[in-house]
Amino acid sequence: MANTMERLMVSIPAEVKNEIDAVKQREFYDKPYAELYRQIIRLGLDKMREVETKGNQCEMAS
């Protein structure tokens, strides 16, 4: 199975970059930035899905 990747370019505020750099030093020191950004995106998408699911459950309960 081929693993295809898409290349993205984003602009982020300096304070967010500082936080990302700190995480890189603590937890991803031996991995490339690309892996760190993929993990951040995955976690963010999971959280958004979780929030959406909880919101739908609240609407159904009303």
N, C-alpha and C. Protein backbone atom coordinates (compact mmCIF):
# COMPACT_ATOMS: atom_id res chain seq x y z
N MET A 1 0.86 -1.18 0.00
CA MET A 1 0.00 0.00 0.00
C MET A 1 0.90 1.24 0.00
N ALA A 2 0.67 2.11 -0.95
CA ALA A 2 1.47 3.32 -1.06
C ALA A 2 1.00 4.36 -0.04
N ASN A 3 1.94 5.05 0.56
CA ASN A 3 1.62 6.10 1.52
C ASN A 3 1.88 7.43 0.84
N THR A 4 0.82 8.13 0.49
CA THR A 4 0.98 9.40 -0.19
C THR A 4 0.88 10.54 0.81
N MET A 5 1.61 11.58 0.54
CA MET A 5 1.63 12.76 1.41
C MET A 5 1.32 13.98 0.57
N GLU A 6 0.71 14.96 1.19
CA GLU A 6 0.47 16.26 0.59
C GLU A 6 1.39 17.27 1.25
N ARG A 7 1.89 18.18 0.48
CA ARG A 7 2.77 19.22 1.03
C ARG A 7 1.92 20.46 1.30
N LEU A 8 2.06 21.04 2.50
CA LEU A 8 1.32 22.22 2.90
C LEU A 8 2.27 23.31 3.36
N MET A 9 1.80 24.54 3.25
CA MET A 9 2.55 25.66 3.81
C MET A 9 1.57 26.46 4.65
N VAL A 10 1.96 26.76 5.88
CA VAL A 10 1.09 27.54 6.76
C VAL A 10 1.91 28.65 7.42
N SER A 11 1.22 29.70 7.79
CA SER A 11 1.82 30.78 8.57
C SER A 11 1.22 30.73 9.96
N ILE A 12 2.08 30.80 10.96
CA ILE A 12 1.61 30.74 12.34
C ILE A 12 2.21 31.90 13.12
N PRO A 13 1.50 32.34 14.16
CA PRO A 13 2.04 33.42 15.00
C PRO A 13 3.32 32.98 15.71
N ALA A 14 4.18 33.93 15.99
CA ALA A 14 5.47 33.65 16.64
C ALA A 14 5.28 32.92 17.97
N GLU A 15 4.25 33.30 18.75
CA GLU A 15 4.07 32.64 20.05
C GLU A 15 3.71 31.17 19.89
N VAL A 16 2.97 30.82 18.85
CA VAL A 16 2.65 29.42 18.58
C VAL A 16 3.93 28.68 18.18
N LYS A 17 4.74 29.30 17.35
CA LYS A 17 6.02 28.69 16.94
C LYS A 17 6.91 28.46 18.15
N ASN A 18 6.91 29.39 19.08
CA ASN A 18 7.71 29.21 20.30
C ASN A 18 7.24 28.00 21.11
N GLU A 19 5.92 27.83 21.20
CA GLU A 19 5.38 26.67 21.91
C GLU A 19 5.74 25.38 21.19
N ILE A 20 5.66 25.39 19.87
CA ILE A 20 6.00 24.21 19.08
C ILE A 20 7.48 23.87 19.25
N ASP A 21 8.33 24.89 19.25
CA ASP A 21 9.76 24.67 19.45
C ASP A 21 10.04 24.03 20.81
N ALA A 22 9.30 24.45 21.83
CA ALA A 22 9.47 23.87 23.16
C ALA A 22 9.07 22.40 23.17
N VAL A 23 7.97 22.07 22.51
CA VAL A 23 7.53 20.67 22.42
C VAL A 23 8.57 19.86 21.65
N LYS A 24 9.09 20.43 20.59
CA LYS A 24 10.12 19.76 19.79
C LYS A 24 11.32 19.40 20.66
N GLN A 25 11.77 20.34 21.46
CA GLN A 25 12.93 20.09 22.32
C GLN A 25 12.65 19.04 23.38
N ARG A 26 11.42 19.06 23.94
CA ARG A 26 11.07 18.12 25.02
C ARG A 26 10.76 16.72 24.51
N GLU A 27 9.95 16.63 23.47
CA GLU A 27 9.37 15.33 23.11
C GLU A 27 9.74 14.82 21.73
N PHE A 28 10.18 15.68 20.85
CA PHE A 28 10.46 15.27 19.47
C PHE A 28 11.91 15.60 19.09
N TYR A 29 12.80 15.65 20.08
CA TYR A 29 14.18 16.06 19.83
C TYR A 29 14.88 15.18 18.80
N ASP A 30 14.48 13.92 18.69
CA ASP A 30 15.15 13.00 17.76
C ASP A 30 14.33 12.73 16.50
N LYS A 31 13.28 13.53 16.29
CA LYS A 31 12.41 13.35 15.13
C LYS A 31 12.34 14.65 14.33
N PRO A 32 12.00 14.55 13.07
CA PRO A 32 11.91 15.76 12.25
C PRO A 32 10.68 16.61 12.61
N TYR A 33 10.77 17.89 12.29
CA TYR A 33 9.63 18.79 12.53
C TYR A 33 8.38 18.28 11.83
N ALA A 34 8.55 17.68 10.66
CA ALA A 34 7.38 17.18 9.91
C ALA A 34 6.56 16.21 10.75
N GLU A 35 7.24 15.32 11.47
CA GLU A 35 6.51 14.36 12.32
C GLU A 35 5.79 15.08 13.45
N LEU A 36 6.42 16.08 14.03
CA LEU A 36 5.79 16.87 15.08
C LEU A 36 4.52 17.55 14.56
N TYR A 37 4.62 18.18 13.40
CA TYR A 37 3.45 18.86 12.84
C TYR A 37 2.35 17.87 12.48
N ARG A 38 2.71 16.69 11.96
CA ARG A 38 1.69 15.67 11.66
C ARG A 38 0.96 15.26 12.93
N GLN A 39 1.71 15.09 14.01
CA GLN A 39 1.10 14.71 15.29
C GLN A 39 0.17 15.81 15.82
N ILE A 40 0.61 17.05 15.73
CA ILE A 40 -0.22 18.17 16.18
C ILE A 40 -1.53 18.21 15.38
N ILE A 41 -1.42 18.03 14.08
CA ILE A 41 -2.62 18.05 13.23
C ILE A 41 -3.55 16.89 13.58
N ARG A 42 -2.97 15.69 13.74
CA ARG A 42 -3.81 14.53 14.11
C ARG A 42 -4.54 14.76 15.43
N LEU A 43 -3.82 15.24 16.43
CA LEU A 43 -4.43 15.49 17.74
C LEU A 43 -5.52 16.56 17.65
N GLY A 44 -5.25 17.60 16.88
CA GLY A 44 -6.25 18.65 16.70
C GLY A 44 -7.50 18.14 16.03
N LEU A 45 -7.34 17.32 14.99
CA LEU A 45 -8.50 16.76 14.30
C LEU A 45 -9.29 15.83 15.21
N ASP A 46 -8.58 15.02 16.00
CA ASP A 46 -9.26 14.13 16.95
C ASP A 46 -10.07 14.95 17.96
N LYS A 47 -9.49 16.02 18.47
CA LYS A 47 -10.17 16.87 19.45
C LYS A 47 -11.40 17.53 18.83
N MET A 48 -11.27 18.01 17.60
CA MET A 48 -12.41 18.64 16.92
C MET A 48 -13.55 17.64 16.74
N ARG A 49 -13.20 16.41 16.37
CA ARG A 49 -14.21 15.36 16.20
C ARG A 49 -14.88 15.05 17.53
N GLU A 50 -14.09 15.01 18.61
CA GLU A 50 -14.62 14.75 19.95
C GLU A 50 -15.60 15.85 20.37
N VAL A 51 -15.22 17.09 20.17
CA VAL A 51 -16.07 18.22 20.53
C VAL A 51 -17.35 18.19 19.70
N GLU A 52 -17.23 17.89 18.42
CA GLU A 52 -18.40 17.82 17.55
C GLU A 52 -19.35 16.72 18.00
N THR A 53 -18.80 15.57 18.37
CA THR A 53 -19.62 14.46 18.83
C THR A 53 -20.35 14.81 20.12
N LYS A 54 -19.65 15.45 21.05
CA LYS A 54 -20.28 15.87 22.30
C LYS A 54 -21.37 16.89 22.04
N GLY A 55 -21.14 17.82 21.11
CA GLY A 55 -22.14 18.82 20.77
C GLY A 55 -23.39 18.17 20.18
N ASN A 56 -23.20 17.17 19.33
CA ASN A 56 -24.34 16.47 18.74
C ASN A 56 -25.10 15.70 19.80
N GLN A 57 -24.42 15.13 20.78
CA GLN A 57 -25.08 14.41 21.85
C GLN A 57 -25.91 15.34 22.71
N CYS A 58 -25.39 16.55 22.96
CA CYS A 58 -26.15 17.53 23.74
C CYS A 58 -27.41 17.97 22.99
N GLU A 59 -27.29 18.17 21.69
CA GLU A 59 -28.45 18.56 20.90
C GLU A 59 -29.51 17.47 20.89
N MET A 60 -29.06 16.21 20.84
CA MET A 60 -30.00 15.09 20.82
C MET A 60 -30.72 14.96 22.16
N ALA A 61 -30.05 15.32 23.25
CA ALA A 61 -30.62 15.19 24.58
C ALA A 61 -31.66 16.29 24.85
N SER A 62 -31.59 17.37 24.10
CA SER A 62 -32.51 18.50 24.33
C SER A 62 -33.90 18.21 23.84
